[in-house]
Amino acid sequence: MSTVLMTMVYNDEIFLDIWVRYYSQFFDRKDMHIITHGPGQDYVHEVAAGCTFLEAPRDPKNPQLDQDRFKFISDYASGLTGDYDRVIFNDVDEIVVLDPDHPLPLNEYLETIDPKHGVVTPLGLELVHLKQWENDYDYNRGLFAQRKHVRMNAWYTKPCITSVPITWGPDGHGCSHDKFYLDPNMYLFHLKWFDDQFHIQRHQERLAMRFQGDDGEEVILGAGSWAWSEIAYELATNSFLRARHIPLEEGFDYSAHRARVIDSFHESPHGGFKINWFVDTDIRILPDRFIGLI
């Protein structure tokens, strides 16, 4: 079975380095496609040497920037389904991880998934930095050796693995495929919050991209937390500190969350599907079996 991986970058050197080093454990770099969102992303050729590169157009004053970029991504991924058995697209701060309890590596595991599942969805987990217990991030050490706290977020339970032509919604939440398969062994780790200082600076940089449209109204690029004010973003970040923490001895069991996601599946009136994008209020600890994966 052949698999191709895709991501898109815009000033994302840190996340691209993590993305490439992780996936190149399982896949040939020529099958890892890096889409640069506009020119000036020269770092990709050093960070992702050996990968396949292409450039997507970027108009920084386009109020439909995210919608247009996902049309580009969907069209490109759909074309690749003619040459590959599976296409995996993640934002560059997202990683698909097979639970290490499974005996197969990720690439071989994908071959075991029934071909009838045209689109496969991993369960979304957010890796969070709890600064009261964890130091600033050391870029010379592994990610899972330093960050061990996660919360389940259905917003990142994305239909990101496809073998059929597909149209994803903005940021990959939901898609045009009308069948839903939540894989029982895979997770999508969202890494945005992995370091407090880093993600706050990244949000400030995103705020600086706002501009005044022709109608005089402020144009906000991006959805979700990217659209929040600096104060709202800080309040959301501090909510991690107030969350209930589940001790490791109580287990790393997301079976109830998986069942809730599956039960919430419904067809969208516009075609395709949606799920209930709920966020778990509890934070759990990654078991030691994950250390070393990233």
C-alpha atoms as a PDB file:
ATOM      1  CA  MET A   1       0.000   0.000   0.000  1.00  0.00           C
ATOM      2  CA  SER A   2       1.290   3.470  -0.872  1.00  0.00           C
ATOM      3  CA  THR A   3       0.792   6.507   1.364  1.00  0.00           C
ATOM      4  CA  VAL A   4       1.554  10.177   0.744  1.00  0.00           C
ATOM      5  CA  LEU A   5       1.658  12.827   3.458  1.00  0.00           C
ATOM      6  CA  MET A   6       0.911  16.520   3.026  1.00  0.00           C
ATOM      7  CA  THR A   7       1.230  19.662   5.094  1.00  0.00           C
ATOM      8  CA  MET A   8       1.234  23.406   4.458  1.00  0.00           C
ATOM      9  CA  VAL A   9       3.638  25.871   6.079  1.00  0.00           C
ATOM     10  CA  TYR A  10       3.890  29.602   6.604  1.00  0.00           C
ATOM     11  CA  ASN A  11       6.751  30.616   8.910  1.00  0.00           C
ATOM     12  CA  ASP A  12       6.518  27.245  10.647  1.00  0.00           C
ATOM     13  CA  GLU A  13      10.130  26.084  10.931  1.00  0.00           C
ATOM     14  CA  ILE A  14       9.791  24.611  14.440  1.00  0.00           C
ATOM     15  CA  PHE A  15       6.685  22.568  13.686  1.00  0.00           C
ATOM     16  CA  LEU A  16       7.940  21.485  10.277  1.00  0.00           C
ATOM     17  CA  ASP A  17      11.095  20.093  11.886  1.00  0.00           C
ATOM     18  CA  ILE A  18       8.972  18.023  14.288  1.00  0.00           C
ATOM     19  CA  TRP A  19       6.613  16.937  11.467  1.00  0.00           C
ATOM     20  CA  VAL A  20       9.414  15.801   9.155  1.00  0.00           C
ATOM     21  CA  ARG A  21      11.496  14.017  11.791  1.00  0.00           C
ATOM     22  CA  TYR A  22       8.456  12.128  13.066  1.00  0.00           C
ATOM     23  CA  TYR A  23       6.943  10.979   9.777  1.00  0.00           C
ATOM     24  CA  SER A  24      10.288  10.133   8.151  1.00  0.00           C
ATOM     25  CA  GLN A  25      10.559   7.270  10.666  1.00  0.00           C
ATOM     26  CA  PHE A  26       7.816   5.524   8.677  1.00  0.00           C
ATOM     27  CA  PHE A  27       7.705   7.037   5.184  1.00  0.00           C
ATOM     28  CA  ASP A  28      10.098   7.944   2.379  1.00  0.00           C
ATOM     29  CA  ARG A  29      10.667  11.695   2.313  1.00  0.00           C
ATOM     30  CA  LYS A  30       9.809  11.909  -1.383  1.00  0.00           C
ATOM     31  CA  ASP A  31       6.282  10.882  -0.340  1.00  0.00           C
ATOM     32  CA  MET A  32       6.099  13.760   2.154  1.00  0.00           C
ATOM     33  CA  HIS A  33       4.763  16.815   0.327  1.00  0.00           C
ATOM     34  CA  ILE A  34       5.432  20.262   1.796  1.00  0.00           C
ATOM     35  CA  ILE A  35       3.213  23.049   0.450  1.00  0.00           C
ATOM     36  CA  THR A  36       4.644  26.505   1.080  1.00  0.00           C
ATOM     37  CA  HIS A  37       1.870  29.072   1.449  1.00  0.00           C
ATOM     38  CA  GLY A  38       3.361  31.796  -0.665  1.00  0.00           C
ATOM     39  CA  PRO A  39       7.019  32.659  -1.379  1.00  0.00           C
ATOM     40  CA  GLY A  40       9.808  33.314   1.097  1.00  0.00           C
ATOM     41  CA  GLN A  41       9.717  29.981   2.920  1.00  0.00           C
ATOM     42  CA  ASP A  42      13.299  29.046   2.053  1.00  0.00           C
ATOM     43  CA  TYR A  43      13.926  27.249   5.364  1.00  0.00           C
ATOM     44  CA  VAL A  44      11.859  24.292   4.144  1.00  0.00           C
ATOM     45  CA  HIS A  45      14.627  23.057   1.850  1.00  0.00           C
ATOM     46  CA  GLU A  46      17.014  22.632   4.781  1.00  0.00           C
ATOM     47  CA  VAL A  47      14.524  21.442   7.398  1.00  0.00           C
ATOM     48  CA  ALA A  48      12.745  19.052   5.017  1.00  0.00           C
ATOM     49  CA  ALA A  49      15.578  18.033   2.690  1.00  0.00           C
ATOM     50  CA  GLY A  50      14.525  15.191   0.407  1.00  0.00           C
ATOM     51  CA  CYS A  51      10.806  15.960   0.641  1.00  0.00           C
ATOM     52  CA  THR A  52       8.622  17.056  -2.279  1.00  0.00           C
ATOM     53  CA  PHE A  53       7.865  20.786  -2.448  1.00  0.00           C
ATOM     54  CA  LEU A  54       5.300  22.980  -4.147  1.00  0.00           C
ATOM     55  CA  GLU A  55       4.092  26.527  -3.603  1.00  0.00           C
ATOM     56  CA  ALA A  56       0.490  27.641  -3.161  1.00  0.00           C
ATOM     57  CA  PRO A  57      -0.528  31.241  -3.923  1.00  0.00           C
ATOM     58  CA  ARG A  58      -0.994  33.555  -0.928  1.00  0.00           C
ATOM     59  CA  ASP A  59      -2.616  36.980  -0.947  1.00  0.00           C
ATOM     60  CA  PRO A  60      -2.179  38.387   2.583  1.00  0.00           C
ATOM     61  CA  LYS A  61      -5.100  40.784   2.024  1.00  0.00           C
ATOM     62  CA  ASN A  62      -7.528  38.077   0.976  1.00  0.00           C
ATOM     63  CA  PRO A  63     -10.347  37.847   3.591  1.00  0.00           C
ATOM     64  CA  GLN A  64     -11.060  34.297   2.346  1.00  0.00           C
ATOM     65  CA  LEU A  65      -7.463  33.193   2.818  1.00  0.00           C
ATOM     66  CA  ASP A  66      -8.207  30.067   4.880  1.00  0.00           C
ATOM     67  CA  GLN A  67     -11.094  28.987   2.652  1.00  0.00           C
ATOM     68  CA  ASP A  68      -8.972  29.391  -0.466  1.00  0.00           C
ATOM     69  CA  ARG A  69      -5.993  27.556   0.968  1.00  0.00           C
ATOM     70  CA  PHE A  70      -8.165  24.587   1.919  1.00  0.00           C
ATOM     71  CA  LYS A  71      -9.660  24.497  -1.550  1.00  0.00           C
ATOM     72  CA  PHE A  72      -6.098  24.247  -2.854  1.00  0.00           C
ATOM     73  CA  ILE A  73      -5.265  21.525  -0.314  1.00  0.00           C
ATOM     74  CA  SER A  74      -8.457  19.560  -1.056  1.00  0.00           C
ATOM     75  CA  ASP A  75      -7.919  19.721  -4.814  1.00  0.00           C
ATOM     76  CA  TYR A  76      -4.293  18.631  -4.484  1.00  0.00           C
ATOM     77  CA  ALA A  77      -5.100  15.778  -2.081  1.00  0.00           C
ATOM     78  CA  SER A  78      -7.941  14.601  -4.313  1.00  0.00           C
ATOM     79  CA  GLY A  79      -5.560  14.442  -7.258  1.00  0.00           C
ATOM     80  CA  LEU A  80      -3.078  12.390  -5.241  1.00  0.00           C
ATOM     81  CA  THR A  81      -5.727   9.751  -4.491  1.00  0.00           C
ATOM     82  CA  GLY A  82      -5.348   8.669  -8.114  1.00  0.00           C
ATOM     83  CA  ASP A  83      -1.711   7.686  -7.491  1.00  0.00           C
ATOM     84  CA  TYR A  84      -1.675   6.668  -3.811  1.00  0.00           C
ATOM     85  CA  ASP A  85      -3.802   4.346  -1.690  1.00  0.00           C
ATOM     86  CA  ARG A  86      -3.945   6.806   1.218  1.00  0.00           C
ATOM     87  CA  VAL A  87      -3.394  10.552   1.499  1.00  0.00           C
ATOM     88  CA  ILE A  88      -2.759  12.065   4.935  1.00  0.00           C
ATOM     89  CA  PHE A  89      -3.060  15.813   5.377  1.00  0.00           C
ATOM     90  CA  ASN A  90      -2.238  17.530   8.661  1.00  0.00           C
ATOM     91  CA  ASP A  91      -1.681  21.131   9.565  1.00  0.00           C
ATOM     92  CA  VAL A  92       1.999  21.366  10.385  1.00  0.00           C
ATOM     93  CA  ASP A  93       1.283  21.485  14.130  1.00  0.00           C
ATOM     94  CA  GLU A  94      -0.575  18.172  13.988  1.00  0.00           C
ATOM     95  CA  ILE A  95       0.784  14.616  14.055  1.00  0.00           C
ATOM     96  CA  VAL A  96      -1.043  11.300  13.547  1.00  0.00           C
ATOM     97  CA  VAL A  97       0.215   8.786  16.120  1.00  0.00           C
ATOM     98  CA  LEU A  98      -0.559   5.081  16.394  1.00  0.00           C
ATOM     99  CA  ASP A  99      -0.873   3.954  20.011  1.00  0.00           C
ATOM    100  CA  PRO A 100       2.456   2.250  20.833  1.00  0.00           C
ATOM    101  CA  ASP A 101       0.495  -0.611  22.388  1.00  0.00           C
ATOM    102  CA  HIS A 102      -0.171  -1.718  18.820  1.00  0.00           C
ATOM    103  CA  PRO A 103       2.583  -4.034  17.517  1.00  0.00           C
ATOM    104  CA  LEU A 104       2.766  -2.542  13.993  1.00  0.00           C
ATOM    105  CA  PRO A 105       4.457   0.707  12.925  1.00  0.00           C
ATOM    106  CA  LEU A 106       2.199   3.433  11.550  1.00  0.00           C
ATOM    107  CA  ASN A 107       2.906   2.745   7.873  1.00  0.00           C
ATOM    108  CA  GLU A 108       2.101  -0.956   8.181  1.00  0.00           C
ATOM    109  CA  TYR A 109      -0.936  -0.315  10.342  1.00  0.00           C
ATOM    110  CA  LEU A 110      -2.486   1.837   7.618  1.00  0.00           C
ATOM    111  CA  GLU A 111      -2.362  -1.189   5.333  1.00  0.00           C
ATOM    112  CA  THR A 112      -4.582  -3.148   7.739  1.00  0.00           C
ATOM    113  CA  ILE A 113      -7.467  -0.655   7.634  1.00  0.00           C
ATOM    114  CA  ASP A 114     -10.382  -1.985   5.595  1.00  0.00           C
ATOM    115  CA  PRO A 115     -10.378  -0.280   2.164  1.00  0.00           C
ATOM    116  CA  LYS A 116     -14.133   0.289   2.526  1.00  0.00           C
ATOM    117  CA  HIS A 117     -13.254   3.151   4.866  1.00  0.00           C
ATOM    118  CA  GLY A 118     -12.617   5.861   2.302  1.00  0.00           C
ATOM    119  CA  VAL A 119     -11.892   8.445   4.997  1.00  0.00           C
ATOM    120  CA  VAL A 120     -10.283   7.664   8.362  1.00  0.00           C
ATOM    121  CA  THR A 121     -10.416   9.891  11.441  1.00  0.00           C
ATOM    122  CA  PRO A 122      -8.041   9.667  14.447  1.00  0.00           C
ATOM    123  CA  LEU A 123      -9.123  10.884  17.896  1.00  0.00           C
ATOM    124  CA  GLY A 124      -7.937  14.441  18.584  1.00  0.00           C
ATOM    125  CA  LEU A 125      -5.700  15.108  21.601  1.00  0.00           C
ATOM    126  CA  GLU A 126      -4.110  18.443  22.456  1.00  0.00           C
ATOM    127  CA  LEU A 127      -0.674  18.438  24.035  1.00  0.00           C
ATOM    128  CA  VAL A 128      -0.549  21.239  26.608  1.00  0.00           C
ATOM    129  CA  HIS A 129       2.259  22.888  28.544  1.00  0.00           C
ATOM    130  CA  LEU A 130       1.503  23.010  32.262  1.00  0.00           C
ATOM    131  CA  LYS A 131       4.076  25.576  33.279  1.00  0.00           C
ATOM    132  CA  GLN A 132       3.578  24.993  37.008  1.00  0.00           C
ATOM    133  CA  TRP A 133       5.129  21.532  36.542  1.00  0.00           C
ATOM    134  CA  GLU A 134       7.064  21.654  33.273  1.00  0.00           C
ATOM    135  CA  ASN A 135      10.056  23.748  32.227  1.00  0.00           C
ATOM    136  CA  ASP A 136      10.380  25.833  29.100  1.00  0.00           C
ATOM    137  CA  TYR A 137      10.823  23.643  26.070  1.00  0.00           C
ATOM    138  CA  ASP A 138      14.317  22.326  25.317  1.00  0.00           C
ATOM    139  CA  TYR A 139      14.632  22.013  21.525  1.00  0.00           C
ATOM    140  CA  ASN A 140      17.481  19.533  21.920  1.00  0.00           C
ATOM    141  CA  ARG A 141      15.238  16.939  23.579  1.00  0.00           C
ATOM    142  CA  GLY A 142      12.263  14.907  22.429  1.00  0.00           C
ATOM    143  CA  LEU A 143       8.787  16.410  22.645  1.00  0.00           C
ATOM    144  CA  PHE A 144       7.049  13.581  24.498  1.00  0.00           C
ATOM    145  CA  ALA A 145       9.927  13.404  26.984  1.00  0.00           C
ATOM    146  CA  GLN A 146       9.077  16.949  28.121  1.00  0.00           C
ATOM    147  CA  ARG A 147       5.335  17.323  27.541  1.00  0.00           C
ATOM    148  CA  LYS A 148       3.084  14.613  28.961  1.00  0.00           C
ATOM    149  CA  HIS A 149      -0.286  16.301  29.493  1.00  0.00           C
ATOM    150  CA  VAL A 150      -3.142  16.046  27.010  1.00  0.00           C
ATOM    151  CA  ARG A 151      -6.818  16.840  26.760  1.00  0.00           C
ATOM    152  CA  MET A 152      -9.249  15.335  24.289  1.00  0.00           C
ATOM    153  CA  ASN A 153     -10.666  17.874  21.820  1.00  0.00           C
ATOM    154  CA  ALA A 154     -13.135  16.717  19.181  1.00  0.00           C
ATOM    155  CA  TRP A 155     -12.361  19.872  17.202  1.00  0.00           C
ATOM    156  CA  TYR A 156      -9.099  18.107  16.263  1.00  0.00           C
ATOM    157  CA  THR A 157     -10.765  14.782  15.598  1.00  0.00           C
ATOM    158  CA  LYS A 158     -10.248  15.488  11.924  1.00  0.00           C
ATOM    159  CA  PRO A 159     -11.029  13.318   8.870  1.00  0.00           C
ATOM    160  CA  CYS A 160      -7.420  13.700   7.754  1.00  0.00           C
ATOM    161  CA  ILE A 161      -6.715  10.347   6.044  1.00  0.00           C
ATOM    162  CA  THR A 162      -8.417   9.744   2.711  1.00  0.00           C
ATOM    163  CA  SER A 163      -8.346   7.318  -0.193  1.00  0.00           C
ATOM    164  CA  VAL A 164     -11.096   9.123  -2.124  1.00  0.00           C
ATOM    165  CA  PRO A 165     -11.420  12.603  -3.636  1.00  0.00           C
ATOM    166  CA  ILE A 166     -12.397  14.960  -0.834  1.00  0.00           C
ATOM    167  CA  THR A 167     -13.295  18.508   0.076  1.00  0.00           C
ATOM    168  CA  TRP A 168     -12.302  19.539   3.581  1.00  0.00           C
ATOM    169  CA  GLY A 169     -13.904  22.378   5.467  1.00  0.00           C
ATOM    170  CA  PRO A 170     -11.684  25.299   6.562  1.00  0.00           C
ATOM    171  CA  ASP A 171      -8.821  23.999   8.719  1.00  0.00           C
ATOM    172  CA  GLY A 172      -9.873  20.415   7.951  1.00  0.00           C
ATOM    173  CA  HIS A 173     -12.829  20.241  10.346  1.00  0.00           C
ATOM    174  CA  GLY A 174     -15.432  18.085   8.614  1.00  0.00           C
ATOM    175  CA  CYS A 175     -15.394  16.972   4.992  1.00  0.00           C
ATOM    176  CA  SER A 176     -17.519  16.108   1.977  1.00  0.00           C
ATOM    177  CA  HIS A 177     -17.414  12.347   2.602  1.00  0.00           C
ATOM    178  CA  ASP A 178     -20.715  11.101   4.034  1.00  0.00           C
ATOM    179  CA  LYS A 179     -19.354   8.110   5.979  1.00  0.00           C
ATOM    180  CA  PHE A 180     -17.569   8.364   9.315  1.00  0.00           C
ATOM    181  CA  TYR A 181     -14.898   5.982  10.592  1.00  0.00           C
ATOM    182  CA  LEU A 182     -13.163   6.808  13.871  1.00  0.00           C
ATOM    183  CA  ASP A 183     -10.066   4.639  14.078  1.00  0.00           C
ATOM    184  CA  PRO A 184      -9.790   2.792  17.431  1.00  0.00           C
ATOM    185  CA  ASN A 185      -5.983   2.986  17.670  1.00  0.00           C
ATOM    186  CA  MET A 186      -4.852   6.310  16.206  1.00  0.00           C
ATOM    187  CA  TYR A 187      -4.652   9.780  17.709  1.00  0.00           C
ATOM    188  CA  LEU A 188      -4.156  13.168  16.113  1.00  0.00           C
ATOM    189  CA  PHE A 189      -1.918  15.179  18.448  1.00  0.00           C
ATOM    190  CA  HIS A 190      -2.402  18.932  18.181  1.00  0.00           C
ATOM    191  CA  LEU A 191       0.885  20.537  19.231  1.00  0.00           C
ATOM    192  CA  LYS A 192      -0.059  24.221  19.188  1.00  0.00           C
ATOM    193  CA  TRP A 193       0.044  24.631  22.988  1.00  0.00           C
ATOM    194  CA  PHE A 194       3.289  22.666  23.497  1.00  0.00           C
ATOM    195  CA  ASP A 195       5.186  25.630  24.968  1.00  0.00           C
ATOM    196  CA  ASP A 196       3.667  28.615  26.727  1.00  0.00           C
ATOM    197  CA  GLN A 197       6.118  31.250  25.499  1.00  0.00           C
ATOM    198  CA  PHE A 198       6.136  29.926  21.950  1.00  0.00           C
ATOM    199  CA  HIS A 199       2.386  29.743  21.386  1.00  0.00           C
ATOM    200  CA  ILE A 200       1.733  33.168  22.919  1.00  0.00           C
ATOM    201  CA  GLN A 201       4.310  34.729  20.579  1.00  0.00           C
ATOM    202  CA  ARG A 202       2.784  32.839  17.649  1.00  0.00           C
ATOM    203  CA  HIS A 203      -0.662  34.191  18.499  1.00  0.00           C
ATOM    204  CA  GLN A 204       0.700  37.733  18.677  1.00  0.00           C
ATOM    205  CA  GLU A 205       2.211  37.285  15.228  1.00  0.00           C
ATOM    206  CA  ARG A 206      -1.162  36.102  13.921  1.00  0.00           C
ATOM    207  CA  LEU A 207      -2.896  39.128  15.462  1.00  0.00           C
ATOM    208  CA  ALA A 208      -0.487  41.346  13.525  1.00  0.00           C
ATOM    209  CA  MET A 209      -1.841  39.899  10.249  1.00  0.00           C
ATOM    210  CA  ARG A 210      -5.237  41.554  10.752  1.00  0.00           C
ATOM    211  CA  PHE A 211      -6.022  44.403   8.396  1.00  0.00           C
ATOM    212  CA  GLN A 212      -8.758  46.843   7.507  1.00  0.00           C
ATOM    213  CA  GLY A 213     -10.933  45.732   4.618  1.00  0.00           C
ATOM    214  CA  ASP A 214     -12.356  47.895   1.847  1.00  0.00           C
ATOM    215  CA  ASP A 215     -15.513  48.386   3.914  1.00  0.00           C
ATOM    216  CA  GLY A 216     -13.510  49.728   6.839  1.00  0.00           C
ATOM    217  CA  GLU A 217     -14.121  46.638   8.974  1.00  0.00           C
ATOM    218  CA  GLU A 218     -11.275  44.656  10.533  1.00  0.00           C
ATOM    219  CA  VAL A 219     -10.488  41.443   8.652  1.00  0.00           C
ATOM    220  CA  ILE A 220      -9.466  38.536  10.908  1.00  0.00           C
ATOM    221  CA  LEU A 221      -7.505  35.720   9.291  1.00  0.00           C
ATOM    222  CA  GLY A 222      -8.105  32.245  10.658  1.00  0.00           C
ATOM    223  CA  ALA A 223     -10.685  30.673  12.903  1.00  0.00           C
ATOM    224  CA  GLY A 224     -10.834  29.312  16.435  1.00  0.00           C
ATOM    225  CA  SER A 225      -8.239  30.672  18.857  1.00  0.00           C
ATOM    226  CA  TRP A 226      -6.479  32.616  16.093  1.00  0.00           C
ATOM    227  CA  ALA A 227      -9.500  34.936  16.037  1.00  0.00           C
ATOM    228  CA  TRP A 228      -9.402  35.670  19.775  1.00  0.00           C
ATOM    229  CA  SER A 229      -8.118  38.900  21.265  1.00  0.00           C
ATOM    230  CA  GLU A 230      -4.896  38.826  23.264  1.00  0.00           C
ATOM    231  CA  ILE A 231      -6.858  38.899  26.538  1.00  0.00           C
ATOM    232  CA  ALA A 232      -9.253  36.112  25.495  1.00  0.00           C
ATOM    233  CA  TYR A 233      -6.313  34.004  24.371  1.00  0.00           C
ATOM    234  CA  GLU A 234      -4.543  34.454  27.712  1.00  0.00           C
ATOM    235  CA  LEU A 235      -7.702  33.484  29.622  1.00  0.00           C
ATOM    236  CA  ALA A 236      -8.056  30.306  27.544  1.00  0.00           C
ATOM    237  CA  THR A 237      -4.426  29.421  28.134  1.00  0.00           C
ATOM    238  CA  ASN A 238      -4.793  29.860  31.887  1.00  0.00           C
ATOM    239  CA  SER A 239      -7.792  27.527  31.854  1.00  0.00           C
ATOM    240  CA  PHE A 240      -5.341  24.624  31.459  1.00  0.00           C
ATOM    241  CA  LEU A 241      -4.074  25.385  34.956  1.00  0.00           C
ATOM    242  CA  ARG A 242      -7.573  25.080  36.417  1.00  0.00           C
ATOM    243  CA  ALA A 243      -8.493  21.825  34.672  1.00  0.00           C
ATOM    244  CA  ARG A 244      -8.941  18.595  36.610  1.00  0.00           C
ATOM    245  CA  HIS A 245      -5.894  16.367  36.254  1.00  0.00           C
ATOM    246  CA  ILE A 246      -6.436  12.628  35.980  1.00  0.00           C
ATOM    247  CA  PRO A 247      -3.587  10.659  37.652  1.00  0.00           C
ATOM    248  CA  LEU A 248      -1.738   8.209  35.433  1.00  0.00           C
ATOM    249  CA  GLU A 249      -2.764   5.303  37.644  1.00  0.00           C
ATOM    250  CA  GLU A 250      -6.392   5.961  36.675  1.00  0.00           C
ATOM    251  CA  GLY A 251      -5.479   5.033  33.131  1.00  0.00           C
ATOM    252  CA  PHE A 252      -5.347   6.545  29.678  1.00  0.00           C
ATOM    253  CA  ASP A 253      -8.770   5.420  28.546  1.00  0.00           C
ATOM    254  CA  TYR A 254     -10.609   7.401  25.883  1.00  0.00           C
ATOM    255  CA  SER A 255     -13.171   4.742  24.997  1.00  0.00           C
ATOM    256  CA  ALA A 256     -16.073   6.818  26.357  1.00  0.00           C
ATOM    257  CA  HIS A 257     -14.890   9.829  24.372  1.00  0.00           C
ATOM    258  CA  ARG A 258     -14.672   7.750  21.206  1.00  0.00           C
ATOM    259  CA  ALA A 259     -18.208   6.485  21.772  1.00  0.00           C
ATOM    260  CA  ARG A 260     -19.483  10.031  22.288  1.00  0.00           C
ATOM    261  CA  VAL A 261     -17.835  11.192  19.051  1.00  0.00           C
ATOM    262  CA  ILE A 262     -19.293   8.276  17.093  1.00  0.00           C
ATOM    263  CA  ASP A 263     -22.759   8.837  18.537  1.00  0.00           C
ATOM    264  CA  SER A 264     -22.598  12.533  17.607  1.00  0.00           C
ATOM    265  CA  PHE A 265     -21.914  11.873  13.912  1.00  0.00           C
ATOM    266  CA  HIS A 266     -24.505  13.394  11.618  1.00  0.00           C
ATOM    267  CA  GLU A 267     -24.714  14.249   7.968  1.00  0.00           C
ATOM    268  CA  SER A 268     -24.364  17.911   7.153  1.00  0.00           C
ATOM    269  CA  PRO A 269     -27.253  19.597   5.299  1.00  0.00           C
ATOM    270  CA  HIS A 270     -24.591  20.886   2.916  1.00  0.00           C
ATOM    271  CA  GLY A 271     -23.259  17.385   2.188  1.00  0.00           C
ATOM    272  CA  GLY A 272     -20.608  15.391   3.987  1.00  0.00           C
ATOM    273  CA  PHE A 273     -20.561  14.986   7.760  1.00  0.00           C
ATOM    274  CA  LYS A 274     -20.030  16.727  11.057  1.00  0.00           C
ATOM    275  CA  ILE A 275     -19.504  15.586  14.638  1.00  0.00           C
ATOM    276  CA  ASN A 276     -20.103  17.244  17.995  1.00  0.00           C
ATOM    277  CA  TRP A 277     -16.963  19.307  18.556  1.00  0.00           C
ATOM    278  CA  PHE A 278     -16.857  19.002  22.342  1.00  0.00           C
ATOM    279  CA  VAL A 279     -13.784  19.567  24.515  1.00  0.00           C
ATOM    280  CA  ASP A 280     -12.963  17.352  27.489  1.00  0.00           C
ATOM    281  CA  THR A 281     -12.428  19.380  30.661  1.00  0.00           C
ATOM    282  CA  ASP A 282      -9.998  16.802  32.097  1.00  0.00           C
ATOM    283  CA  ILE A 283      -6.273  16.622  31.438  1.00  0.00           C
ATOM    284  CA  ARG A 284      -4.617  13.209  31.356  1.00  0.00           C
ATOM    285  CA  ILE A 285      -1.004  12.072  31.459  1.00  0.00           C
ATOM    286  CA  LEU A 286       0.628  10.342  28.517  1.00  0.00           C
ATOM    287  CA  PRO A 287       1.838   6.864  29.469  1.00  0.00           C
ATOM    288  CA  ASP A 288       5.561   6.175  29.192  1.00  0.00           C
ATOM    289  CA  ARG A 289       4.998   4.059  26.074  1.00  0.00           C
ATOM    290  CA  PHE A 290       4.653   7.300  24.065  1.00  0.00           C
ATOM    291  CA  ILE A 291       8.056   8.688  25.091  1.00  0.00           C
ATOM    292  CA  GLY A 292      10.473   8.694  22.182  1.00  0.00           C
ATOM    293  CA  LEU A 293       7.834   8.727  19.435  1.00  0.00           C
ATOM    294  CA  ILE A 294       8.221  12.469  18.894  1.00  0.00           C
END
